């Protein structure tokens, strides 16, 4: 089963988070997961995928303008309806708007006819209600995106398991 992670990244942090999610997805037997920046999405792969996770950094507590433009102009040309959808975010500050980013991505996915995934508390710890958020160390020296690596990987693994359950 194919699963895709699509991201916008400005400093490389969101790209790293996307790669960790794809690594987690690969743990589900029979899963081929690939991560794509919005500038180089493989439309054929995404159209064949059963699930797509979309993410970007928080920009003024919202999704980036590039991600919003991509969702409106490019994502609408892909075959997204009926796929399992998920979202993630990175941010420079603790409480930097990542939740807003995730909710706006999930809203876009719902509008495209996707089924939105949330393991919530049902999957146990770590509890990932809407999608994982990582804080990078660009502004908060005590924080580091590496602190969130396992959370992104676990989310990817859980997402893949749910996709297998729904579509295998």
C-alpha atoms as a PDB file:
ATOM      1  CA  UNK A   1       0.000   0.000   0.000  1.00  0.00           C
ATOM      2  CA  UNK A   2       1.291   3.453  -0.907  1.00  0.00           C
ATOM      3  CA  UNK A   3       1.198   6.335   1.563  1.00  0.00           C
ATOM      4  CA  UNK A   4       2.425   9.873   0.939  1.00  0.00           C
ATOM      5  CA  UNK A   5       3.637  12.710   3.117  1.00  0.00           C
ATOM      6  CA  UNK A   6       3.486  16.154   1.503  1.00  0.00           C
ATOM      7  CA  UNK A   7       5.115  19.148   3.148  1.00  0.00           C
ATOM      8  CA  UNK A   8       6.253  22.739   2.810  1.00  0.00           C
ATOM      9  CA  UNK A   9       9.565  23.433   4.540  1.00  0.00           C
ATOM     10  CA  UNK A  10      11.459  26.677   4.880  1.00  0.00           C
ATOM     11  CA  UNK A  11      14.472  25.703   7.004  1.00  0.00           C
ATOM     12  CA  UNK A  12      14.504  21.912   6.645  1.00  0.00           C
ATOM     13  CA  UNK A  13      12.750  21.177   9.941  1.00  0.00           C
ATOM     14  CA  UNK A  14       9.389  20.285   8.408  1.00  0.00           C
ATOM     15  CA  UNK A  15      11.124  18.179   5.750  1.00  0.00           C
ATOM     16  CA  UNK A  16      12.845  16.263   8.557  1.00  0.00           C
ATOM     17  CA  UNK A  17       9.530  15.735  10.364  1.00  0.00           C
ATOM     18  CA  UNK A  18       7.958  14.480   7.100  1.00  0.00           C
ATOM     19  CA  UNK A  19      10.796  11.995   6.648  1.00  0.00           C
ATOM     20  CA  UNK A  20      10.308  10.722  10.210  1.00  0.00           C
ATOM     21  CA  UNK A  21       6.588  10.201   9.531  1.00  0.00           C
ATOM     22  CA  UNK A  22       7.414   8.274   6.341  1.00  0.00           C
ATOM     23  CA  UNK A  23       9.920   6.145   8.311  1.00  0.00           C
ATOM     24  CA  UNK A  24       7.196   5.279  10.797  1.00  0.00           C
ATOM     25  CA  UNK A  25       4.808   4.408   7.980  1.00  0.00           C
ATOM     26  CA  UNK A  26       7.356   1.966   6.531  1.00  0.00           C
ATOM     27  CA  UNK A  27       7.103  -0.136   9.714  1.00  0.00           C
ATOM     28  CA  UNK A  28       3.672  -1.339   8.609  1.00  0.00           C
ATOM     29  CA  UNK A  29       4.200  -4.456   6.507  1.00  0.00           C
ATOM     30  CA  UNK A  30       3.536  -3.937   2.807  1.00  0.00           C
ATOM     31  CA  UNK A  31       3.695  -0.154   3.031  1.00  0.00           C
ATOM     32  CA  UNK A  32       5.641   2.041   0.635  1.00  0.00           C
ATOM     33  CA  UNK A  33       5.842   5.563   2.009  1.00  0.00           C
ATOM     34  CA  UNK A  34       7.419   8.581   0.364  1.00  0.00           C
ATOM     35  CA  UNK A  35       7.753  12.224   1.395  1.00  0.00           C
ATOM     36  CA  UNK A  36       7.463  15.060  -1.129  1.00  0.00           C
ATOM     37  CA  UNK A  37       7.977  18.788  -0.890  1.00  0.00           C
ATOM     38  CA  UNK A  38       5.101  20.748  -2.433  1.00  0.00           C
ATOM     39  CA  UNK A  39       7.408  21.745  -5.274  1.00  0.00           C
ATOM     40  CA  UNK A  40       8.105  18.150  -6.334  1.00  0.00           C
ATOM     41  CA  UNK A  41       4.998  16.050  -5.616  1.00  0.00           C
ATOM     42  CA  UNK A  42       4.827  12.835  -7.659  1.00  0.00           C
ATOM     43  CA  UNK A  43       1.180  13.041  -8.759  1.00  0.00           C
ATOM     44  CA  UNK A  44       1.077   9.409  -9.920  1.00  0.00           C
ATOM     45  CA  UNK A  45       2.325   8.151  -6.560  1.00  0.00           C
ATOM     46  CA  UNK A  46      -0.108  10.347  -4.617  1.00  0.00           C
ATOM     47  CA  UNK A  47      -3.041   9.336  -6.819  1.00  0.00           C
ATOM     48  CA  UNK A  48      -2.245   5.656  -6.129  1.00  0.00           C
ATOM     49  CA  UNK A  49      -1.750   6.257  -2.382  1.00  0.00           C
ATOM     50  CA  UNK A  50      -4.454   5.273   0.079  1.00  0.00           C
ATOM     51  CA  UNK A  51      -3.401   7.929   2.580  1.00  0.00           C
ATOM     52  CA  UNK A  52      -1.777  11.355   2.552  1.00  0.00           C
ATOM     53  CA  UNK A  53      -0.359  13.304   5.495  1.00  0.00           C
ATOM     54  CA  UNK A  54       0.175  17.025   4.865  1.00  0.00           C
ATOM     55  CA  UNK A  55       2.286  19.371   6.970  1.00  0.00           C
ATOM     56  CA  UNK A  56       4.016  22.716   7.136  1.00  0.00           C
ATOM     57  CA  UNK A  57       5.562  25.130   9.567  1.00  0.00           C
ATOM     58  CA  UNK A  58       3.501  27.637  11.472  1.00  0.00           C
ATOM     59  CA  UNK A  59       3.710  31.087   9.915  1.00  0.00           C
ATOM     60  CA  UNK A  60       2.150  33.789  12.077  1.00  0.00           C
ATOM     61  CA  UNK A  61       0.138  30.969  13.742  1.00  0.00           C
ATOM     62  CA  UNK A  62      -1.262  29.820  10.378  1.00  0.00           C
ATOM     63  CA  UNK A  63      -0.187  27.512   7.557  1.00  0.00           C
ATOM     64  CA  UNK A  64       2.401  29.024   5.239  1.00  0.00           C
ATOM     65  CA  UNK A  65       1.117  31.017   2.251  1.00  0.00           C
ATOM     66  CA  UNK A  66       2.883  28.522  -0.043  1.00  0.00           C
ATOM     67  CA  UNK A  67       1.016  25.596   1.523  1.00  0.00           C
ATOM     68  CA  UNK A  68      -2.306  27.420   1.266  1.00  0.00           C
ATOM     69  CA  UNK A  69      -1.637  28.180  -2.410  1.00  0.00           C
ATOM     70  CA  UNK A  70      -0.617  24.573  -3.048  1.00  0.00           C
ATOM     71  CA  UNK A  71      -3.752  23.234  -1.381  1.00  0.00           C
ATOM     72  CA  UNK A  72      -5.963  25.510  -3.480  1.00  0.00           C
ATOM     73  CA  UNK A  73      -4.169  25.192  -6.821  1.00  0.00           C
ATOM     74  CA  UNK A  74      -2.420  21.825  -6.891  1.00  0.00           C
ATOM     75  CA  UNK A  75      -3.963  19.481  -4.323  1.00  0.00           C
ATOM     76  CA  UNK A  76      -7.365  19.990  -5.911  1.00  0.00           C
ATOM     77  CA  UNK A  77      -5.986  18.401  -9.113  1.00  0.00           C
ATOM     78  CA  UNK A  78      -4.981  15.215  -7.276  1.00  0.00           C
ATOM     79  CA  UNK A  79      -7.320  12.322  -6.520  1.00  0.00           C
ATOM     80  CA  UNK A  80      -7.688  12.953  -2.785  1.00  0.00           C
ATOM     81  CA  UNK A  81     -11.328  12.004  -2.162  1.00  0.00           C
ATOM     82  CA  UNK A  82     -11.729   8.835  -0.110  1.00  0.00           C
ATOM     83  CA  UNK A  83      -8.101   8.746   1.050  1.00  0.00           C
ATOM     84  CA  UNK A  84      -7.090   8.726   4.693  1.00  0.00           C
ATOM     85  CA  UNK A  85      -5.784  12.187   5.556  1.00  0.00           C
ATOM     86  CA  UNK A  86      -3.558  13.434   8.314  1.00  0.00           C
ATOM     87  CA  UNK A  87      -1.695  16.571   9.300  1.00  0.00           C
ATOM     88  CA  UNK A  88       1.384  17.714  11.182  1.00  0.00           C
ATOM     89  CA  UNK A  89       3.195  20.965  11.903  1.00  0.00           C
ATOM     90  CA  UNK A  90       6.443  22.441  13.085  1.00  0.00           C
ATOM     91  CA  UNK A  91       6.839  25.729  14.896  1.00  0.00           C
ATOM     92  CA  UNK A  92       9.605  27.955  16.179  1.00  0.00           C
ATOM     93  CA  UNK A  93       8.017  28.605  19.573  1.00  0.00           C
ATOM     94  CA  UNK A  94       6.185  26.497  22.109  1.00  0.00           C
ATOM     95  CA  UNK A  95       2.532  27.369  21.488  1.00  0.00           C
ATOM     96  CA  UNK A  96       3.502  28.922  18.160  1.00  0.00           C
ATOM     97  CA  UNK A  97       0.298  28.056  16.317  1.00  0.00           C
ATOM     98  CA  UNK A  98       0.924  24.453  15.285  1.00  0.00           C
ATOM     99  CA  UNK A  99      -2.584  23.440  16.357  1.00  0.00           C
ATOM    100  CA  UNK A 100      -4.058  26.082  14.048  1.00  0.00           C
ATOM    101  CA  UNK A 101      -1.950  24.784  11.172  1.00  0.00           C
ATOM    102  CA  UNK A 102      -3.108  21.212  11.732  1.00  0.00           C
ATOM    103  CA  UNK A 103      -6.771  22.166  12.021  1.00  0.00           C
ATOM    104  CA  UNK A 104      -6.646  24.239   8.829  1.00  0.00           C
ATOM    105  CA  UNK A 105      -4.969  21.394   6.920  1.00  0.00           C
ATOM    106  CA  UNK A 106      -7.543  18.906   8.226  1.00  0.00           C
ATOM    107  CA  UNK A 107     -10.330  21.295   7.192  1.00  0.00           C
ATOM    108  CA  UNK A 108      -8.897  21.416   3.674  1.00  0.00           C
ATOM    109  CA  UNK A 109      -8.675  17.625   3.627  1.00  0.00           C
ATOM    110  CA  UNK A 110     -12.317  17.315   4.654  1.00  0.00           C
ATOM    111  CA  UNK A 111     -13.326  19.724   1.877  1.00  0.00           C
ATOM    112  CA  UNK A 112     -11.425  17.484  -0.580  1.00  0.00           C
ATOM    113  CA  UNK A 113     -13.457  14.474   0.613  1.00  0.00           C
ATOM    114  CA  UNK A 114     -10.723  12.834   2.660  1.00  0.00           C
ATOM    115  CA  UNK A 115     -11.245  10.777   5.813  1.00  0.00           C
ATOM    116  CA  UNK A 116      -9.263  12.479   8.567  1.00  0.00           C
ATOM    117  CA  UNK A 117      -7.205  10.382  10.968  1.00  0.00           C
ATOM    118  CA  UNK A 118      -6.757  10.946  14.664  1.00  0.00           C
ATOM    119  CA  UNK A 119      -5.516   8.247  16.965  1.00  0.00           C
ATOM    120  CA  UNK A 120      -6.318  10.495  19.890  1.00  0.00           C
ATOM    121  CA  UNK A 121      -6.043   8.933  23.303  1.00  0.00           C
ATOM    122  CA  UNK A 122      -7.257   5.567  21.976  1.00  0.00           C
ATOM    123  CA  UNK A 123      -3.715   4.636  20.888  1.00  0.00           C
ATOM    124  CA  UNK A 124      -2.173   5.341  24.277  1.00  0.00           C
ATOM    125  CA  UNK A 125       0.972   7.337  24.874  1.00  0.00           C
ATOM    126  CA  UNK A 126       2.140   9.450  23.340  1.00  0.00           C
ATOM    127  CA  UNK A 127      -1.318  10.923  22.921  1.00  0.00           C
ATOM    128  CA  UNK A 128      -1.466  12.597  19.506  1.00  0.00           C
ATOM    129  CA  UNK A 129      -4.943  14.078  19.195  1.00  0.00           C
ATOM    130  CA  UNK A 130      -4.927  15.899  15.838  1.00  0.00           C
ATOM    131  CA  UNK A 131      -1.385  15.394  14.574  1.00  0.00           C
ATOM    132  CA  UNK A 132       2.167  15.771  15.817  1.00  0.00           C
ATOM    133  CA  UNK A 133       3.812  19.146  16.352  1.00  0.00           C
ATOM    134  CA  UNK A 134       7.536  19.689  16.773  1.00  0.00           C
ATOM    135  CA  UNK A 135       9.282  22.795  18.067  1.00  0.00           C
ATOM    136  CA  UNK A 136      12.631  23.495  16.473  1.00  0.00           C
ATOM    137  CA  UNK A 137      15.605  25.027  18.224  1.00  0.00           C
ATOM    138  CA  UNK A 138      15.823  28.102  15.997  1.00  0.00           C
ATOM    139  CA  UNK A 139      14.383  30.437  18.642  1.00  0.00           C
ATOM    140  CA  UNK A 140      14.142  28.348  21.803  1.00  0.00           C
ATOM    141  CA  UNK A 141      17.641  27.018  22.474  1.00  0.00           C
ATOM    142  CA  UNK A 142      16.287  24.560  25.081  1.00  0.00           C
ATOM    143  CA  UNK A 143      14.055  23.004  22.422  1.00  0.00           C
ATOM    144  CA  UNK A 144      15.162  20.847  19.521  1.00  0.00           C
ATOM    145  CA  UNK A 145      13.207  19.097  16.779  1.00  0.00           C
ATOM    146  CA  UNK A 146      15.037  15.868  17.655  1.00  0.00           C
ATOM    147  CA  UNK A 147      13.058  15.808  20.928  1.00  0.00           C
ATOM    148  CA  UNK A 148       9.949  15.088  18.820  1.00  0.00           C
ATOM    149  CA  UNK A 149      11.418  12.421  16.506  1.00  0.00           C
ATOM    150  CA  UNK A 150       9.693   9.484  18.171  1.00  0.00           C
ATOM    151  CA  UNK A 151       6.341  11.260  18.181  1.00  0.00           C
ATOM    152  CA  UNK A 152       6.493  11.823  14.404  1.00  0.00           C
ATOM    153  CA  UNK A 153       7.587   8.227  13.779  1.00  0.00           C
ATOM    154  CA  UNK A 154       4.882   6.801  16.034  1.00  0.00           C
ATOM    155  CA  UNK A 155       2.263   8.941  14.293  1.00  0.00           C
ATOM    156  CA  UNK A 156       3.425   7.609  10.918  1.00  0.00           C
ATOM    157  CA  UNK A 157       3.268   4.032  12.162  1.00  0.00           C
ATOM    158  CA  UNK A 158      -0.221   4.500  13.625  1.00  0.00           C
ATOM    159  CA  UNK A 159      -1.440   6.236  10.463  1.00  0.00           C
ATOM    160  CA  UNK A 160      -0.166   3.342   8.324  1.00  0.00           C
ATOM    161  CA  UNK A 161      -1.800   0.790  10.602  1.00  0.00           C
ATOM    162  CA  UNK A 162      -5.155   2.575  10.256  1.00  0.00           C
ATOM    163  CA  UNK A 163      -4.746   2.799   6.469  1.00  0.00           C
ATOM    164  CA  UNK A 164      -4.029  -0.957   6.384  1.00  0.00           C
ATOM    165  CA  UNK A 165      -7.113  -1.597   8.498  1.00  0.00           C
ATOM    166  CA  UNK A 166      -9.305   0.520   6.222  1.00  0.00           C
ATOM    167  CA  UNK A 167      -7.957  -0.334   2.777  1.00  0.00           C
ATOM    168  CA  UNK A 168      -6.089  -3.668   2.865  1.00  0.00           C
END
